[in-house]
N, C-alpha and C. Protein backbone atom coordinates (compact mmCIF):
# COMPACT_ATOMS: atom_id res chain seq x y z
N MET A 1 0.81 -1.18 0.00
CA MET A 1 0.00 0.00 0.00
C MET A 1 0.87 1.26 0.00
N ASN A 2 1.93 1.25 0.78
CA ASN A 2 2.85 2.38 0.83
C ASN A 2 3.48 2.64 -0.53
N ASN A 3 3.69 1.56 -1.27
CA ASN A 3 4.29 1.67 -2.58
C ASN A 3 3.38 2.41 -3.55
N LYS A 4 2.05 2.14 -3.45
CA LYS A 4 1.10 2.83 -4.31
C LYS A 4 1.03 4.32 -3.98
N LYS A 5 1.06 4.66 -2.70
CA LYS A 5 1.03 6.08 -2.28
C LYS A 5 2.28 6.80 -2.77
N GLY A 6 3.40 6.13 -2.72
CA GLY A 6 4.66 6.72 -3.19
C GLY A 6 4.63 6.98 -4.69
N MET A 7 4.06 6.05 -5.44
CA MET A 7 3.95 6.22 -6.88
C MET A 7 3.00 7.36 -7.24
N ILE A 8 1.90 7.46 -6.49
CA ILE A 8 0.94 8.54 -6.72
C ILE A 8 1.58 9.88 -6.40
N LEU A 9 2.28 9.97 -5.26
CA LEU A 9 2.97 11.21 -4.89
C LEU A 9 4.04 11.57 -5.93
N LEU A 10 4.77 10.59 -6.40
CA LEU A 10 5.80 10.83 -7.42
C LEU A 10 5.16 11.32 -8.72
N SER A 11 4.04 10.72 -9.11
CA SER A 11 3.33 11.15 -10.32
C SER A 11 2.79 12.56 -10.17
N LEU A 12 2.19 12.86 -9.02
CA LEU A 12 1.68 14.21 -8.78
C LEU A 12 2.81 15.23 -8.76
N GLY A 13 3.92 14.89 -8.12
CA GLY A 13 5.09 15.79 -8.08
C GLY A 13 5.63 16.07 -9.46
N SER A 14 5.68 15.03 -10.29
CA SER A 14 6.15 15.20 -11.67
C SER A 14 5.20 16.09 -12.46
N LEU A 15 3.90 15.90 -12.28
CA LEU A 15 2.90 16.70 -12.97
C LEU A 15 2.99 18.17 -12.56
N VAL A 16 3.18 18.41 -11.25
CA VAL A 16 3.32 19.79 -10.74
C VAL A 16 4.57 20.43 -11.33
N CYS A 17 5.69 19.72 -11.33
CA CYS A 17 6.94 20.27 -11.88
C CYS A 17 6.79 20.56 -13.37
N LEU A 18 6.15 19.65 -14.10
CA LEU A 18 5.92 19.86 -15.52
C LEU A 18 5.06 21.09 -15.77
N THR A 19 4.00 21.27 -15.01
CA THR A 19 3.10 22.41 -15.14
C THR A 19 3.83 23.71 -14.81
N VAL A 20 4.57 23.72 -13.70
CA VAL A 20 5.31 24.93 -13.31
C VAL A 20 6.35 25.27 -14.37
N GLY A 21 7.03 24.28 -14.90
CA GLY A 21 8.03 24.52 -15.94
C GLY A 21 7.40 25.10 -17.20
N PHE A 22 6.25 24.58 -17.59
CA PHE A 22 5.55 25.10 -18.77
C PHE A 22 5.14 26.55 -18.56
N VAL A 23 4.55 26.86 -17.41
CA VAL A 23 4.09 28.22 -17.11
C VAL A 23 5.27 29.18 -17.07
N LEU A 24 6.36 28.80 -16.40
CA LEU A 24 7.54 29.67 -16.35
C LEU A 24 8.13 29.89 -17.75
N GLY A 25 8.13 28.86 -18.57
CA GLY A 25 8.63 29.00 -19.94
C GLY A 25 7.81 30.00 -20.73
N GLN A 26 6.50 29.99 -20.57
CA GLN A 26 5.64 30.94 -21.26
C GLN A 26 5.88 32.36 -20.78
N VAL A 27 6.08 32.53 -19.47
CA VAL A 27 6.33 33.86 -18.91
C VAL A 27 7.64 34.41 -19.44
N VAL A 28 8.69 33.60 -19.44
CA VAL A 28 10.00 34.04 -19.93
C VAL A 28 9.92 34.39 -21.40
N GLN A 29 9.21 33.61 -22.18
CA GLN A 29 9.09 33.88 -23.61
C GLN A 29 8.32 35.18 -23.85
N ALA A 30 7.30 35.47 -23.05
CA ALA A 30 6.50 36.67 -23.21
C ALA A 30 7.28 37.92 -22.82
N VAL A 31 8.23 37.80 -21.90
CA VAL A 31 8.98 38.95 -21.41
C VAL A 31 10.14 39.30 -22.35
N THR A 32 10.72 38.32 -23.01
CA THR A 32 11.87 38.59 -23.87
C THR A 32 11.42 39.20 -25.20
N ALA A 33 12.34 39.90 -25.85
CA ALA A 33 12.04 40.57 -27.12
C ALA A 33 11.81 39.54 -28.22
N MET A 34 10.88 39.86 -29.08
CA MET A 34 10.60 39.00 -30.23
C MET A 34 11.64 39.28 -31.32
N PRO A 35 12.05 38.26 -32.05
CA PRO A 35 13.02 38.49 -33.14
C PRO A 35 12.47 39.50 -34.15
N GLY A 36 13.31 40.46 -34.53
CA GLY A 36 12.91 41.47 -35.50
C GLY A 36 12.24 42.68 -34.89
N SER A 37 11.96 42.65 -33.57
CA SER A 37 11.32 43.80 -32.94
C SER A 37 12.37 44.87 -32.65
N ALA A 38 11.92 46.05 -32.24
CA ALA A 38 12.83 47.16 -31.95
C ALA A 38 13.74 46.83 -30.77
N ASP A 39 13.30 45.96 -29.85
CA ASP A 39 14.10 45.61 -28.68
C ASP A 39 15.13 44.51 -28.95
N ASP A 40 15.01 43.85 -30.08
CA ASP A 40 15.90 42.76 -30.42
C ASP A 40 17.06 43.31 -31.24
N PRO A 41 18.32 42.99 -30.88
CA PRO A 41 19.45 43.52 -31.65
C PRO A 41 19.49 42.99 -33.08
N LEU A 42 18.86 41.87 -33.35
CA LEU A 42 18.75 41.38 -34.72
C LEU A 42 17.47 41.94 -35.31
N VAL A 43 17.58 42.63 -36.44
CA VAL A 43 16.40 43.30 -37.00
C VAL A 43 15.93 42.59 -38.25
N SER A 44 14.68 42.84 -38.58
CA SER A 44 14.11 42.22 -39.77
C SER A 44 14.55 42.97 -41.03
N GLN A 45 14.44 42.29 -42.16
CA GLN A 45 14.82 42.89 -43.43
C GLN A 45 13.95 44.10 -43.74
N SER A 46 12.65 44.03 -43.42
CA SER A 46 11.76 45.16 -43.71
C SER A 46 12.16 46.40 -42.90
N TYR A 47 12.60 46.20 -41.67
CA TYR A 47 13.05 47.32 -40.83
C TYR A 47 14.28 47.96 -41.46
N VAL A 48 15.23 47.14 -41.87
CA VAL A 48 16.46 47.67 -42.49
C VAL A 48 16.13 48.40 -43.78
N GLU A 49 15.24 47.82 -44.61
CA GLU A 49 14.87 48.47 -45.87
C GLU A 49 14.19 49.80 -45.62
N LYS A 50 13.35 49.88 -44.58
CA LYS A 50 12.66 51.13 -44.26
C LYS A 50 13.67 52.20 -43.86
N ILE A 51 14.57 51.88 -42.95
CA ILE A 51 15.56 52.85 -42.47
C ILE A 51 16.49 53.28 -43.60
N VAL A 52 16.97 52.33 -44.37
CA VAL A 52 17.87 52.66 -45.48
C VAL A 52 17.15 53.52 -46.51
N GLY A 53 15.88 53.19 -46.79
CA GLY A 53 15.10 53.97 -47.74
C GLY A 53 14.91 55.41 -47.29
N GLU A 54 14.58 55.59 -46.00
CA GLU A 54 14.39 56.94 -45.47
C GLU A 54 15.68 57.75 -45.54
N ARG A 55 16.77 57.13 -45.14
CA ARG A 55 18.05 57.86 -45.15
C ARG A 55 18.53 58.13 -46.58
N THR A 56 18.30 57.19 -47.48
CA THR A 56 18.67 57.39 -48.87
C THR A 56 17.86 58.54 -49.48
N ALA A 57 16.56 58.59 -49.17
CA ALA A 57 15.71 59.67 -49.67
C ALA A 57 16.17 61.02 -49.14
N ALA A 58 16.54 61.06 -47.86
CA ALA A 58 17.01 62.32 -47.27
C ALA A 58 18.31 62.78 -47.93
N ILE A 59 19.22 61.85 -48.16
CA ILE A 59 20.49 62.19 -48.81
C ILE A 59 20.25 62.63 -50.25
N GLN A 60 19.35 61.94 -50.95
CA GLN A 60 19.04 62.31 -52.34
C GLN A 60 18.45 63.71 -52.41
N THR A 61 17.57 64.05 -51.45
CA THR A 61 16.99 65.39 -51.42
C THR A 61 18.07 66.45 -51.19
N GLN A 62 18.97 66.18 -50.26
CA GLN A 62 20.06 67.12 -50.01
C GLN A 62 20.93 67.27 -51.25
N LEU A 63 21.20 66.17 -51.91
CA LEU A 63 22.01 66.21 -53.12
C LEU A 63 21.30 67.01 -54.21
N ASP A 64 20.00 66.77 -54.36
CA ASP A 64 19.23 67.52 -55.36
C ASP A 64 19.24 69.02 -55.06
N GLU A 65 19.12 69.37 -53.77
CA GLU A 65 19.14 70.79 -53.39
C GLU A 65 20.49 71.42 -53.71
N LEU A 66 21.57 70.69 -53.40
CA LEU A 66 22.90 71.22 -53.70
C LEU A 66 23.10 71.40 -55.20
N LYS A 67 22.64 70.43 -55.97
CA LYS A 67 22.77 70.54 -57.42
C LYS A 67 21.93 71.69 -57.96
N ALA A 68 20.71 71.85 -57.41
CA ALA A 68 19.85 72.94 -57.85
C ALA A 68 20.49 74.29 -57.53
N ASN A 69 21.08 74.40 -56.32
CA ASN A 69 21.75 75.66 -55.95
C ASN A 69 22.96 75.92 -56.83
N ALA A 70 23.68 74.87 -57.20
CA ALA A 70 24.85 75.03 -58.07
C ALA A 70 24.42 75.44 -59.47
N ASN A 71 23.23 75.00 -59.89
CA ASN A 71 22.75 75.29 -61.24
C ASN A 71 22.03 76.63 -61.35
N LYS A 72 21.79 77.32 -60.24
CA LYS A 72 21.06 78.59 -60.28
C LYS A 72 21.75 79.63 -61.16
N GLY A 73 23.04 79.64 -61.17
CA GLY A 73 23.77 80.62 -61.98
C GLY A 73 24.16 80.04 -63.32
N GLY A 74 23.45 78.98 -63.76
CA GLY A 74 23.84 78.24 -64.96
C GLY A 74 23.56 78.97 -66.25
N SER A 75 23.75 78.26 -67.35
CA SER A 75 23.60 78.82 -68.69
C SER A 75 22.20 78.55 -69.24
N ASN A 76 21.97 78.87 -70.49
CA ASN A 76 20.68 78.66 -71.13
C ASN A 76 20.64 77.38 -71.95
N THR A 77 21.47 76.40 -71.63
CA THR A 77 21.47 75.15 -72.37
C THR A 77 21.15 74.01 -71.42
N THR A 78 20.74 72.90 -71.99
CA THR A 78 20.47 71.71 -71.20
C THR A 78 21.79 71.00 -70.95
N THR A 79 22.10 70.74 -69.67
CA THR A 79 23.39 70.18 -69.32
C THR A 79 23.22 69.00 -68.39
N PRO A 80 23.49 67.75 -68.84
CA PRO A 80 23.49 66.64 -67.90
C PRO A 80 24.72 66.75 -67.00
N ASN A 81 24.57 66.41 -65.72
CA ASN A 81 25.70 66.43 -64.81
C ASN A 81 25.96 65.05 -64.25
N ASN A 82 26.92 64.92 -63.34
CA ASN A 82 27.37 63.61 -62.86
C ASN A 82 26.26 62.77 -62.25
N GLY A 83 25.27 63.36 -61.62
CA GLY A 83 24.22 62.60 -60.97
C GLY A 83 23.13 62.16 -61.91
N GLY A 84 23.28 62.40 -63.21
CA GLY A 84 22.25 62.02 -64.16
C GLY A 84 21.14 63.04 -64.23
N ASN A 85 21.30 64.19 -63.56
CA ASN A 85 20.27 65.23 -63.58
C ASN A 85 20.39 66.04 -64.88
N THR A 86 19.28 66.61 -65.31
CA THR A 86 19.28 67.49 -66.46
C THR A 86 18.64 68.80 -66.04
N THR A 87 19.31 69.93 -66.29
CA THR A 87 18.80 71.23 -65.92
C THR A 87 18.44 72.00 -67.17
N THR A 88 17.22 72.54 -67.20
CA THR A 88 16.73 73.25 -68.37
C THR A 88 16.05 74.54 -67.96
N PRO A 89 16.55 75.72 -68.34
CA PRO A 89 15.81 76.96 -68.10
C PRO A 89 14.54 76.94 -68.95
N ASN A 90 13.43 77.49 -68.42
CA ASN A 90 12.18 77.53 -69.17
C ASN A 90 11.52 78.89 -69.01
N ASN A 91 10.26 79.00 -69.38
CA ASN A 91 9.57 80.30 -69.42
C ASN A 91 9.65 81.04 -68.09
N GLY A 92 9.77 82.35 -68.16
CA GLY A 92 9.74 83.20 -66.97
C GLY A 92 10.99 83.13 -66.13
N GLY A 93 12.08 82.62 -66.65
CA GLY A 93 13.31 82.55 -65.88
C GLY A 93 13.35 81.39 -64.91
N ASN A 94 12.41 80.45 -65.01
CA ASN A 94 12.41 79.30 -64.13
C ASN A 94 13.45 78.29 -64.61
N THR A 95 13.96 77.49 -63.68
CA THR A 95 14.90 76.43 -64.02
C THR A 95 14.34 75.13 -63.49
N THR A 96 14.26 74.10 -64.33
CA THR A 96 13.74 72.79 -63.92
C THR A 96 14.87 71.79 -63.90
N THR A 97 14.99 71.03 -62.81
CA THR A 97 15.99 69.98 -62.69
C THR A 97 15.27 68.66 -62.51
N SER A 98 15.53 67.69 -63.39
CA SER A 98 14.95 66.36 -63.28
C SER A 98 16.07 65.37 -63.10
N ASN A 99 15.83 64.32 -62.29
CA ASN A 99 16.87 63.33 -62.10
C ASN A 99 16.32 61.93 -62.35
N ASN A 100 17.20 60.93 -62.29
CA ASN A 100 16.85 59.56 -62.64
C ASN A 100 15.81 58.94 -61.73
N ASN A 101 15.66 59.40 -60.49
CA ASN A 101 14.69 58.77 -59.59
C ASN A 101 13.32 59.42 -59.67
N GLY A 102 13.07 60.28 -60.65
CA GLY A 102 11.74 60.83 -60.88
C GLY A 102 11.45 62.12 -60.13
N ASN A 103 12.37 62.61 -59.33
CA ASN A 103 12.14 63.87 -58.62
C ASN A 103 12.39 65.04 -59.55
N THR A 104 11.62 66.12 -59.37
CA THR A 104 11.78 67.32 -60.18
C THR A 104 11.87 68.53 -59.27
N THR A 105 12.82 69.42 -59.51
CA THR A 105 12.97 70.65 -58.76
C THR A 105 12.88 71.81 -59.73
N THR A 106 12.12 72.85 -59.38
CA THR A 106 11.99 74.02 -60.22
C THR A 106 12.26 75.27 -59.39
N THR A 107 13.11 76.17 -59.90
CA THR A 107 13.38 77.44 -59.26
C THR A 107 12.52 78.49 -59.97
N THR A 108 11.83 79.36 -59.19
CA THR A 108 10.89 80.31 -59.80
C THR A 108 11.06 81.72 -59.24
N ASN A 109 10.28 82.66 -59.83
CA ASN A 109 10.22 84.05 -59.36
C ASN A 109 8.79 84.37 -58.91
N LYS A 110 8.14 83.47 -58.20
CA LYS A 110 6.74 83.61 -57.83
C LYS A 110 6.59 83.64 -56.31
N THR A 111 5.31 83.77 -55.85
CA THR A 111 5.03 83.75 -54.42
C THR A 111 4.10 82.58 -54.09
N VAL A 112 4.07 82.23 -52.81
CA VAL A 112 3.22 81.15 -52.31
C VAL A 112 2.29 81.73 -51.27
N THR A 113 0.99 81.43 -51.39
CA THR A 113 0.00 81.84 -50.39
C THR A 113 -0.42 80.59 -49.62
N ILE A 114 -0.42 80.68 -48.29
CA ILE A 114 -0.75 79.55 -47.43
C ILE A 114 -2.27 79.40 -47.34
N ASN A 115 -2.78 78.17 -47.54
CA ASN A 115 -4.21 77.90 -47.50
C ASN A 115 -4.66 77.26 -46.19
N ALA A 116 -3.76 76.68 -45.42
CA ALA A 116 -4.11 76.00 -44.17
C ALA A 116 -4.09 77.00 -43.01
N GLU A 117 -4.89 76.73 -41.98
CA GLU A 117 -4.92 77.60 -40.80
C GLU A 117 -3.52 77.76 -40.22
N SER A 118 -2.80 76.66 -40.09
CA SER A 118 -1.42 76.66 -39.60
C SER A 118 -0.69 75.54 -40.33
N LEU A 119 0.52 75.80 -40.78
CA LEU A 119 1.25 74.84 -41.59
C LEU A 119 2.70 74.79 -41.14
N ASN A 120 3.22 73.57 -40.94
CA ASN A 120 4.62 73.40 -40.57
C ASN A 120 5.52 73.69 -41.76
N VAL A 121 6.63 74.34 -41.49
CA VAL A 121 7.67 74.56 -42.48
C VAL A 121 8.79 73.59 -42.11
N ARG A 122 9.24 72.80 -43.06
CA ARG A 122 10.20 71.72 -42.78
C ARG A 122 11.55 72.01 -43.41
N GLY A 123 12.58 71.37 -42.87
CA GLY A 123 13.95 71.55 -43.34
C GLY A 123 14.23 70.91 -44.69
N GLY A 124 13.35 70.07 -45.17
CA GLY A 124 13.49 69.43 -46.47
C GLY A 124 12.12 69.14 -47.05
N ALA A 125 12.09 68.65 -48.26
CA ALA A 125 10.84 68.41 -48.97
C ALA A 125 10.27 67.05 -48.57
N GLY A 126 9.67 66.97 -47.39
CA GLY A 126 9.06 65.74 -46.91
C GLY A 126 8.70 65.84 -45.44
N THR A 127 7.77 65.01 -45.02
CA THR A 127 7.31 65.05 -43.63
C THR A 127 8.32 64.45 -42.66
N THR A 128 9.34 63.78 -43.15
CA THR A 128 10.35 63.21 -42.26
C THR A 128 11.38 64.25 -41.82
N TYR A 129 11.36 65.42 -42.42
CA TYR A 129 12.32 66.46 -42.05
C TYR A 129 11.83 67.23 -40.83
N ALA A 130 12.78 67.78 -40.09
CA ALA A 130 12.46 68.52 -38.87
C ALA A 130 11.70 69.81 -39.19
N LYS A 131 10.84 70.20 -38.27
CA LYS A 131 10.10 71.45 -38.38
C LYS A 131 11.06 72.60 -38.09
N VAL A 132 11.08 73.59 -39.01
CA VAL A 132 11.95 74.76 -38.82
C VAL A 132 11.15 76.03 -38.56
N GLY A 133 9.82 75.92 -38.65
CA GLY A 133 8.96 77.07 -38.40
C GLY A 133 7.52 76.71 -38.74
N SER A 134 6.65 77.71 -38.69
CA SER A 134 5.26 77.50 -39.08
C SER A 134 4.73 78.78 -39.71
N VAL A 135 3.73 78.63 -40.55
CA VAL A 135 3.11 79.76 -41.25
C VAL A 135 1.60 79.66 -41.08
N LYS A 136 0.91 80.76 -41.37
CA LYS A 136 -0.53 80.81 -41.15
C LYS A 136 -1.27 81.13 -42.45
N LYS A 137 -2.55 80.85 -42.44
CA LYS A 137 -3.42 81.04 -43.60
C LYS A 137 -3.38 82.49 -44.08
N GLY A 138 -3.26 82.65 -45.40
CA GLY A 138 -3.28 83.97 -46.02
C GLY A 138 -1.91 84.62 -46.14
N GLU A 139 -0.92 84.12 -45.42
CA GLU A 139 0.42 84.71 -45.51
C GLU A 139 1.05 84.36 -46.85
N LYS A 140 1.88 85.29 -47.37
CA LYS A 140 2.54 85.10 -48.66
C LYS A 140 4.05 85.09 -48.47
N TYR A 141 4.70 84.22 -49.21
CA TYR A 141 6.15 84.06 -49.12
C TYR A 141 6.74 83.92 -50.51
N THR A 142 8.01 84.26 -50.64
CA THR A 142 8.72 84.11 -51.90
C THR A 142 8.94 82.63 -52.17
N LEU A 143 8.58 82.18 -53.36
CA LEU A 143 8.80 80.80 -53.78
C LEU A 143 10.22 80.69 -54.31
N LEU A 144 11.02 79.82 -53.69
CA LEU A 144 12.39 79.62 -54.12
C LEU A 144 12.51 78.43 -55.07
N GLU A 145 11.82 77.35 -54.75
CA GLU A 145 11.88 76.14 -55.57
C GLU A 145 10.60 75.35 -55.39
N THR A 146 10.33 74.47 -56.35
CA THR A 146 9.30 73.45 -56.17
C THR A 146 9.97 72.11 -56.38
N LYS A 147 9.46 71.11 -55.68
CA LYS A 147 10.03 69.78 -55.81
C LYS A 147 8.90 68.78 -55.76
N SER A 148 8.90 67.86 -56.71
CA SER A 148 7.92 66.78 -56.67
C SER A 148 8.68 65.47 -56.68
N GLY A 149 8.18 64.54 -55.91
CA GLY A 149 8.82 63.23 -55.82
C GLY A 149 7.89 62.24 -55.17
N THR A 150 8.45 61.25 -54.53
CA THR A 150 7.65 60.18 -53.94
C THR A 150 6.84 60.67 -52.74
N ASP A 151 7.22 61.78 -52.13
CA ASP A 151 6.52 62.31 -50.96
C ASP A 151 5.62 63.49 -51.35
N GLY A 152 5.16 63.56 -52.60
CA GLY A 152 4.29 64.63 -53.04
C GLY A 152 5.07 65.83 -53.56
N SER A 153 4.36 66.94 -53.73
CA SER A 153 4.99 68.17 -54.21
C SER A 153 5.21 69.11 -53.04
N TRP A 154 6.31 69.85 -53.08
CA TRP A 154 6.69 70.75 -51.99
C TRP A 154 7.18 72.07 -52.57
N TYR A 155 6.95 73.15 -51.80
CA TYR A 155 7.42 74.48 -52.17
C TYR A 155 8.46 74.93 -51.15
N LYS A 156 9.61 75.37 -51.66
CA LYS A 156 10.62 75.95 -50.77
C LYS A 156 10.35 77.45 -50.71
N ILE A 157 10.19 77.96 -49.49
CA ILE A 157 9.86 79.37 -49.31
C ILE A 157 10.89 80.05 -48.43
N LYS A 158 10.90 81.38 -48.51
CA LYS A 158 11.77 82.18 -47.64
C LYS A 158 10.89 82.87 -46.61
N LEU A 159 11.16 82.60 -45.33
CA LEU A 159 10.37 83.17 -44.24
C LEU A 159 10.81 84.60 -43.96
N SER A 160 10.00 85.32 -43.18
CA SER A 160 10.29 86.72 -42.89
C SER A 160 11.58 86.89 -42.08
N ASP A 161 11.97 85.86 -41.31
CA ASP A 161 13.20 85.96 -40.53
C ASP A 161 14.44 85.56 -41.34
N GLY A 162 14.25 85.28 -42.65
CA GLY A 162 15.36 84.93 -43.53
C GLY A 162 15.59 83.44 -43.67
N LYS A 163 14.98 82.64 -42.79
CA LYS A 163 15.14 81.19 -42.89
C LYS A 163 14.43 80.69 -44.14
N GLU A 164 14.90 79.56 -44.65
CA GLU A 164 14.27 78.91 -45.78
C GLU A 164 13.74 77.56 -45.34
N GLY A 165 12.62 77.14 -45.89
CA GLY A 165 12.04 75.86 -45.54
C GLY A 165 11.04 75.41 -46.58
N TRP A 166 10.48 74.22 -46.36
CA TRP A 166 9.59 73.59 -47.33
C TRP A 166 8.20 73.42 -46.76
N VAL A 167 7.16 73.70 -47.59
CA VAL A 167 5.76 73.48 -47.21
C VAL A 167 5.12 72.58 -48.28
N SER A 168 4.17 71.79 -47.84
CA SER A 168 3.47 70.88 -48.76
C SER A 168 2.59 71.69 -49.71
N SER A 169 2.61 71.32 -50.98
CA SER A 169 1.79 72.02 -51.98
C SER A 169 0.31 71.76 -51.77
N GLN A 170 -0.04 70.76 -50.95
CA GLN A 170 -1.44 70.47 -50.66
C GLN A 170 -2.09 71.64 -49.91
N TYR A 171 -1.29 72.40 -49.17
CA TYR A 171 -1.82 73.43 -48.28
C TYR A 171 -1.37 74.84 -48.66
N ALA A 172 -0.89 75.00 -49.89
CA ALA A 172 -0.40 76.30 -50.34
C ALA A 172 -0.68 76.44 -51.84
N LYS A 173 -0.71 77.70 -52.31
CA LYS A 173 -1.00 77.98 -53.70
C LYS A 173 0.07 78.91 -54.26
N VAL A 174 0.54 78.61 -55.46
CA VAL A 174 1.53 79.47 -56.13
C VAL A 174 0.78 80.57 -56.86
N ASN A 175 1.27 81.81 -56.69
CA ASN A 175 0.66 82.97 -57.35
C ASN A 175 1.58 83.47 -58.45
């Protein structure tokens, strides 16, 4: 009889240990970072592609701006440059720069009127750039450039304090 009680106690003890081990394993798994998450040092391919894409777009925009600024004092001919861009002066003294990735930049002698109640002015042509100021509905600013690309169309304006920045064309009108 004692032997049966010992076997039952041993079986119950094993079952309890198995249950506790399973529960603890689930808790530890729930607390640790999932592979590919922000907390895991190993990242997923989609995360890397997103970050690389954002940084590449930012660098391309800066490069386009530098090329556009370099071309402002250019000639009246179409000139391909090292980045595959083509600059062409057009009507009204405007200059259009197109590049291989489909972005277009235009320098103009026009003004921009703000249509939104309040609009962020950004350091580059896209919502990923830092806010450098804000403008209000009805205000007018000198249009320095326009840029269209994967993040929509943007107007580069000169603020009253002399700073330059970009506003979305969705919320502004060229005059």
